Amino acid sequence: MAHDAHAHPRDLLRRFPGAEAERRRLGIACAASAWNGEEYDCHEKIAAEAERDGAPPLFLCFAVHPQLAGTNAKVLRPADPGCGESTRTGFAGCEPGGAGPAGDWAFRESLDLLERLSAEGRIAAVGETGFDLYDEHFRAAETVQEKLFAAHLDNARRHNLPLVLHVRRAMHKIFACTKSLKTLPAVVFHSWPGAPDEGFSLLRRGINAYFSFGTTLLLNHKNALRSCAAFPAERLLLETDAPYQPLRGAAFSRWGDLPAILRAAAAIRREAGQRGGEPAELEQITDGAFMHIFKGARP
């Protein structure tokens, strides 16, 4: 069974109605990221249907995405027509502009939902959360991002859940939290943004860190290439971030990109003389790490 360590199935379905059929055909287990009640309900429905049909599983993840901290959020209660009637309210959309950056109050409903899902054992991980300081717009919301991250981290610690991180130009914020992060069962860096020495430093500090790579390997991102070559094979994961990390010339990323990502990662490992230099070998290793994290195994 192949895996996708980070994707957004509802958003992919909106662009590619055949997405779930493709996922099943390719035998891909997925960690599905949601940030509001409607999106979570959609993923839960897909997961239930997959379990009923004996298809590869969806592991459900939930958190308020750090990029939303710079918007004014309003609660939208209508159900998502693509996934059936929602049983909970949540933030189904955001409106830019308005009275100023959204405070942590604006996300109270989603944070309350996170607490319920965690307490009921209905999510496999908290995420994606973290920090995005890519430009002035996101940097202006740094304080709100800090409040959201603190709430997510507290939830993950209390419920002993893995944490899935989104980090852009903010690794210093992660290093400031290492004492707390090393108490978690696992920390998954979605689309690992750092250099190899940063990853090794996190591991030396006692964080059970895993580093996920996607289409950046095929787009020649230097840090991704160097890190994929350097890290221990059992610390690697593969992802599409579907639909948000398209290959050059594509409109969106999709499940069908995973074989190319796997081949690229294996070629990088092979050239570096590292374990996992053949696609079948690397797939077995990374699939094992994925299932260990999201199926609830603990070191």
Protein backbone atom coordinates (compact mmCIF):
# COMPACT_ATOMS: atom_id res chain seq x y z
CA MET A 1 0.00 0.00 0.00
CA ALA A 2 1.37 3.42 -0.97
CA HIS A 3 0.81 6.50 1.20
CA ASP A 4 0.26 10.25 0.96
CA ALA A 5 1.38 11.90 4.18
CA HIS A 6 -0.45 15.16 3.52
CA ALA A 7 -3.36 16.07 1.25
CA HIS A 8 -6.69 17.88 1.13
CA PRO A 9 -9.17 15.39 -0.39
CA ARG A 10 -12.20 17.68 -0.37
CA ASP A 11 -10.35 20.45 -2.21
CA LEU A 12 -8.95 17.93 -4.67
CA LEU A 13 -12.42 16.51 -5.36
CA ARG A 14 -13.63 19.98 -6.26
CA ARG A 15 -11.01 20.18 -9.00
CA PHE A 16 -10.92 16.52 -9.95
CA PRO A 17 -14.18 14.60 -9.37
CA GLY A 18 -12.43 11.30 -10.09
CA ALA A 19 -9.90 11.79 -7.31
CA GLU A 20 -11.23 9.18 -4.88
CA ALA A 21 -11.48 6.57 -7.63
CA GLU A 22 -7.86 7.30 -8.55
CA ARG A 23 -6.75 7.00 -4.92
CA ARG A 24 -8.41 3.60 -4.59
CA ARG A 25 -7.05 2.38 -7.91
CA LEU A 26 -3.50 3.30 -6.88
CA GLY A 27 -3.93 1.85 -3.38
CA ILE A 28 -2.95 5.03 -1.55
CA ALA A 29 -3.56 5.55 2.16
CA CYS A 30 -3.82 9.25 2.99
CA ALA A 31 -3.50 11.64 5.90
CA ALA A 32 -6.33 14.09 5.18
CA SER A 33 -6.00 17.62 6.54
CA ALA A 34 -9.11 19.65 7.45
CA TRP A 35 -9.50 23.04 9.12
CA ASN A 36 -13.29 23.40 9.57
CA GLY A 37 -16.35 21.28 10.32
CA GLU A 38 -17.58 20.98 6.76
CA GLU A 39 -14.21 19.84 5.47
CA TYR A 40 -13.82 17.36 8.31
CA ASP A 41 -17.30 15.95 7.66
CA CYS A 42 -16.41 15.41 4.01
CA HIS A 43 -13.22 13.55 4.92
CA GLU A 44 -15.00 11.49 7.57
CA LYS A 45 -17.58 10.42 4.99
CA ILE A 46 -14.87 9.39 2.51
CA ALA A 47 -13.05 7.50 5.28
CA ALA A 48 -16.21 5.64 6.32
CA GLU A 49 -16.97 4.63 2.72
CA ALA A 50 -13.38 3.48 2.23
CA GLU A 51 -13.53 1.36 5.38
CA ARG A 52 -16.86 -0.14 4.30
CA ASP A 53 -15.46 -1.04 0.88
CA GLY A 54 -12.12 -2.35 2.14
CA ALA A 55 -10.30 0.50 0.34
CA PRO A 56 -7.08 2.14 1.56
CA PRO A 57 -7.78 4.27 4.64
CA LEU A 58 -7.98 8.00 5.19
CA PHE A 59 -6.45 9.11 8.47
CA LEU A 60 -8.23 12.25 9.61
CA CYS A 61 -6.30 15.31 10.78
CA PHE A 62 -7.66 18.61 12.03
CA ALA A 63 -6.32 22.08 12.91
CA VAL A 64 -6.75 25.72 11.92
CA HIS A 65 -4.25 26.38 9.12
CA PRO A 66 -1.73 29.09 10.09
CA GLN A 67 -2.37 30.99 6.86
CA LEU A 68 -5.92 31.67 8.04
CA ALA A 69 -4.67 33.75 10.95
CA GLY A 70 -4.36 36.80 8.69
CA THR A 71 -7.97 36.78 7.53
CA ASN A 72 -11.29 37.75 8.99
CA ALA A 73 -13.23 34.53 9.43
CA LYS A 74 -16.99 34.23 9.56
CA VAL A 75 -19.00 31.15 10.37
CA LEU A 76 -20.75 29.72 7.32
CA ARG A 77 -23.30 27.08 8.25
CA PRO A 78 -24.55 25.67 4.90
CA ALA A 79 -23.47 22.10 4.19
CA ASP A 80 -20.91 21.30 1.52
CA PRO A 81 -23.01 20.00 -1.38
CA GLY A 82 -20.22 17.69 -2.49
CA CYS A 83 -20.04 15.71 0.73
CA GLY A 84 -23.48 15.57 2.28
CA GLU A 85 -25.11 17.42 5.15
CA SER A 86 -22.78 18.68 7.85
CA THR A 87 -23.56 17.78 11.43
CA ARG A 88 -21.39 20.57 12.84
CA THR A 89 -20.76 24.17 12.04
CA GLY A 90 -17.30 25.47 11.36
CA PHE A 91 -15.45 28.01 9.31
CA ALA A 92 -16.26 27.11 5.73
CA GLY A 93 -14.69 30.25 4.32
CA CYS A 94 -12.81 33.44 5.07
CA GLU A 95 -13.26 36.98 3.92
CA PRO A 96 -10.11 39.04 3.45
CA GLY A 97 -10.15 42.65 4.49
CA GLY A 98 -12.64 44.08 6.92
CA ALA A 99 -11.92 45.28 10.40
CA GLY A 100 -8.45 43.83 10.80
CA PRO A 101 -6.65 40.53 11.39
CA ALA A 102 -8.78 37.83 12.93
CA GLY A 103 -8.09 37.22 16.60
CA ASP A 104 -8.07 33.86 18.28
CA TRP A 105 -11.76 34.48 19.11
CA ALA A 106 -12.59 34.07 15.43
CA PHE A 107 -11.41 30.46 15.52
CA ARG A 108 -13.00 29.45 18.82
CA GLU A 109 -15.56 27.22 17.15
CA SER A 110 -12.94 25.30 15.19
CA LEU A 111 -10.74 24.95 18.28
CA ASP A 112 -13.73 23.63 20.23
CA LEU A 113 -14.35 21.14 17.43
CA LEU A 114 -10.71 20.05 17.58
CA GLU A 115 -11.11 19.36 21.29
CA ARG A 116 -14.21 17.25 20.72
CA LEU A 117 -12.65 15.25 17.89
CA SER A 118 -9.50 14.60 19.92
CA ALA A 119 -11.41 13.60 23.04
CA GLU A 120 -13.61 11.22 21.02
CA GLY A 121 -10.63 9.60 19.28
CA ARG A 122 -11.83 10.70 15.85
CA ILE A 123 -8.58 12.15 14.51
CA ALA A 124 -5.19 10.56 13.96
CA ALA A 125 -3.20 13.78 14.24
CA VAL A 126 -3.46 17.50 14.96
CA GLY A 127 -2.59 19.49 11.87
CA GLU A 128 -1.68 21.12 9.77
CA THR A 129 -0.58 23.78 12.19
CA GLY A 130 2.58 25.82 12.60
CA PHE A 131 3.79 29.15 11.28
CA ASP A 132 3.78 30.90 7.93
CA LEU A 133 5.91 34.04 7.81
CA TYR A 134 6.41 34.00 4.05
CA ASP A 135 5.42 37.63 3.39
CA GLU A 136 4.23 40.81 5.12
CA HIS A 137 0.59 39.67 5.09
CA PHE A 138 1.37 36.53 7.07
CA ARG A 139 3.98 38.20 9.30
CA ALA A 140 1.35 40.74 10.38
CA ALA A 141 -0.62 37.85 11.87
CA GLU A 142 2.29 36.27 13.74
CA THR A 143 0.71 36.86 17.15
CA VAL A 144 -2.50 35.11 16.10
CA GLN A 145 -0.46 32.24 14.64
CA GLU A 146 1.33 31.90 17.97
CA LYS A 147 -1.98 31.65 19.84
CA LEU A 148 -3.36 29.08 17.44
CA PHE A 149 -0.17 27.01 17.55
CA ALA A 150 -0.15 27.07 21.36
CA ALA A 151 -3.73 25.76 21.38
CA HIS A 152 -2.92 23.02 18.85
CA LEU A 153 0.24 21.97 20.68
CA ASP A 154 -1.59 21.84 24.00
CA ASN A 155 -4.30 19.65 22.46
CA ALA A 156 -1.79 17.27 20.90
CA ARG A 157 0.09 16.91 24.20
CA ARG A 158 -3.04 16.30 26.29
CA HIS A 159 -4.41 13.70 23.86
CA ASN A 160 -1.04 12.16 22.94
CA LEU A 161 -1.50 12.85 19.23
CA PRO A 162 1.06 13.43 16.47
CA LEU A 163 1.43 16.99 15.19
CA VAL A 164 1.58 17.86 11.47
CA LEU A 165 3.50 21.07 10.83
CA HIS A 166 3.31 23.71 8.10
CA VAL A 167 6.41 25.92 8.36
CA ARG A 168 7.49 28.66 5.96
CA ARG A 169 10.37 30.97 6.88
CA ALA A 170 9.69 30.17 10.52
CA MET A 171 12.00 27.37 11.64
CA HIS A 172 13.15 29.59 14.51
CA LYS A 173 9.62 29.39 15.91
CA ILE A 174 9.79 25.59 15.89
CA PHE A 175 13.19 25.47 17.60
CA ALA A 176 11.74 27.68 20.35
CA CYS A 177 9.22 24.90 21.11
CA THR A 178 11.51 21.87 21.15
CA LYS A 179 10.92 21.06 24.84
CA SER A 180 7.20 20.65 24.18
CA LEU A 181 7.55 19.01 20.77
CA LYS A 182 9.74 16.22 22.08
CA THR A 183 6.90 15.09 24.37
CA LEU A 184 4.71 14.22 21.37
CA PRO A 185 4.49 10.74 19.84
CA ALA A 186 5.52 12.15 16.43
CA VAL A 187 6.04 15.46 14.64
CA VAL A 188 5.53 15.42 10.86
CA PHE A 189 7.01 18.26 8.83
CA HIS A 190 4.72 18.60 5.84
CA SER A 191 6.70 19.62 2.72
CA TRP A 192 9.91 19.88 4.76
CA PRO A 193 11.23 23.43 4.24
CA GLY A 194 14.55 23.29 6.05
CA ALA A 195 18.15 22.35 5.45
CA PRO A 196 19.52 18.93 6.47
CA ASP A 197 21.38 20.28 9.50
CA GLU A 198 18.13 21.74 10.87
CA GLY A 199 16.43 18.36 10.63
CA PHE A 200 19.31 16.56 12.31
CA SER A 201 19.32 19.19 15.06
CA LEU A 202 15.64 18.51 15.75
CA LEU A 203 16.33 14.78 16.01
CA ARG A 204 19.30 15.37 18.35
CA ARG A 205 17.02 17.43 20.59
CA GLY A 206 14.81 14.39 21.10
CA ILE A 207 11.93 15.23 18.74
CA ASN A 208 10.46 12.17 17.03
CA ALA A 209 10.49 14.03 13.72
CA TYR A 210 9.53 12.83 10.25
CA PHE A 211 10.19 14.78 7.07
CA SER A 212 7.72 14.69 4.20
CA PHE A 213 8.60 15.44 0.57
CA GLY A 214 6.43 16.01 -2.47
CA THR A 215 6.66 17.62 -5.87
CA THR A 216 9.45 19.90 -4.62
CA LEU A 217 11.76 16.97 -5.43
CA LEU A 218 10.69 17.18 -9.07
CA LEU A 219 10.95 20.98 -9.09
CA ASN A 220 14.60 20.91 -7.98
CA HIS A 221 14.21 22.70 -4.66
CA LYS A 222 17.75 22.54 -3.27
CA ASN A 223 16.95 22.03 0.41
CA ALA A 224 14.42 19.32 -0.41
CA LEU A 225 16.92 17.47 -2.61
CA ARG A 226 19.72 17.71 -0.04
CA SER A 227 17.48 16.71 2.87
CA CYS A 228 15.94 13.77 1.04
CA ALA A 229 19.44 12.49 0.32
CA ALA A 230 20.71 12.99 3.87
CA PHE A 231 18.03 11.93 6.35
CA PRO A 232 17.70 8.34 7.58
CA ALA A 233 15.28 6.45 5.34
CA GLU A 234 12.96 5.62 8.24
CA ARG A 235 12.44 9.37 8.81
CA LEU A 236 11.11 10.03 5.31
CA LEU A 237 7.51 10.38 4.13
CA LEU A 238 6.02 11.18 0.73
CA GLU A 239 3.11 13.49 -0.06
CA THR A 240 1.22 15.35 -2.78
CA ASP A 241 -0.30 18.22 -0.73
CA ALA A 242 -3.06 17.72 -3.32
CA PRO A 243 -4.25 19.89 -4.90
CA TYR A 244 -1.80 22.59 -3.80
CA GLN A 245 1.67 21.56 -5.07
CA PRO A 246 1.27 20.99 -8.83
CA LEU A 247 4.03 19.79 -11.07
CA ARG A 248 5.28 22.29 -13.60
CA GLY A 249 2.58 22.83 -16.20
CA ALA A 250 -0.16 21.09 -14.18
CA ALA A 251 -3.20 22.83 -12.75
CA PHE A 252 -3.08 20.93 -9.45
CA SER A 253 -1.35 18.03 -7.73
CA ARG A 254 -3.15 14.69 -7.46
CA TRP A 255 -2.76 11.11 -6.23
CA GLY A 256 -1.31 10.10 -9.59
CA ASP A 257 1.77 12.24 -8.89
CA LEU A 258 2.95 9.92 -6.11
CA PRO A 259 4.71 7.32 -8.31
CA ALA A 260 6.86 10.07 -9.86
CA ILE A 261 7.62 11.50 -6.41
CA LEU A 262 8.62 8.03 -5.16
CA ARG A 263 10.90 7.43 -8.15
CA ALA A 264 12.53 10.83 -7.71
CA ALA A 265 13.16 10.26 -4.01
CA ALA A 266 14.63 6.81 -4.65
CA ALA A 267 16.93 8.18 -7.38
CA ILE A 268 18.16 10.88 -5.00
CA ARG A 269 18.86 8.25 -2.33
CA ARG A 270 20.57 5.95 -4.83
CA GLU A 271 22.87 8.70 -6.10
CA ALA A 272 23.78 9.54 -2.50
CA GLY A 273 24.53 5.88 -1.73
CA GLN A 274 21.81 5.81 0.92
CA ARG A 275 19.37 3.13 1.98
CA GLY A 276 16.10 3.33 0.05
CA GLY A 277 17.70 3.77 -3.34
CA GLU A 278 15.17 1.58 -5.15
CA PRO A 279 11.49 2.61 -5.41
CA ALA A 280 10.13 -0.66 -4.00
CA GLU A 281 12.51 -0.52 -1.04
CA LEU A 282 11.81 3.14 -0.31
CA GLU A 283 8.07 2.62 -0.61
CA GLN A 284 8.18 -0.18 1.97
CA ILE A 285 10.24 1.92 4.39
CA THR A 286 8.19 5.10 4.07
CA ASP A 287 4.87 3.25 4.15
CA GLY A 288 5.97 1.65 7.41
CA ALA A 289 6.77 5.04 8.92
CA PHE A 290 3.44 6.46 7.74
CA MET A 291 1.39 3.65 9.26
CA HIS A 292 3.40 3.81 12.48
CA ILE A 293 2.57 7.50 12.89
CA PHE A 294 -1.05 7.68 11.81
CA LYS A 295 -2.36 4.28 12.86
CA GLY A 296 -1.47 5.01 16.44
CA ALA A 297 1.71 2.99 17.04
CA ARG A 298 4.07 4.48 19.59
CA PRO A 299 7.83 4.09 19.87
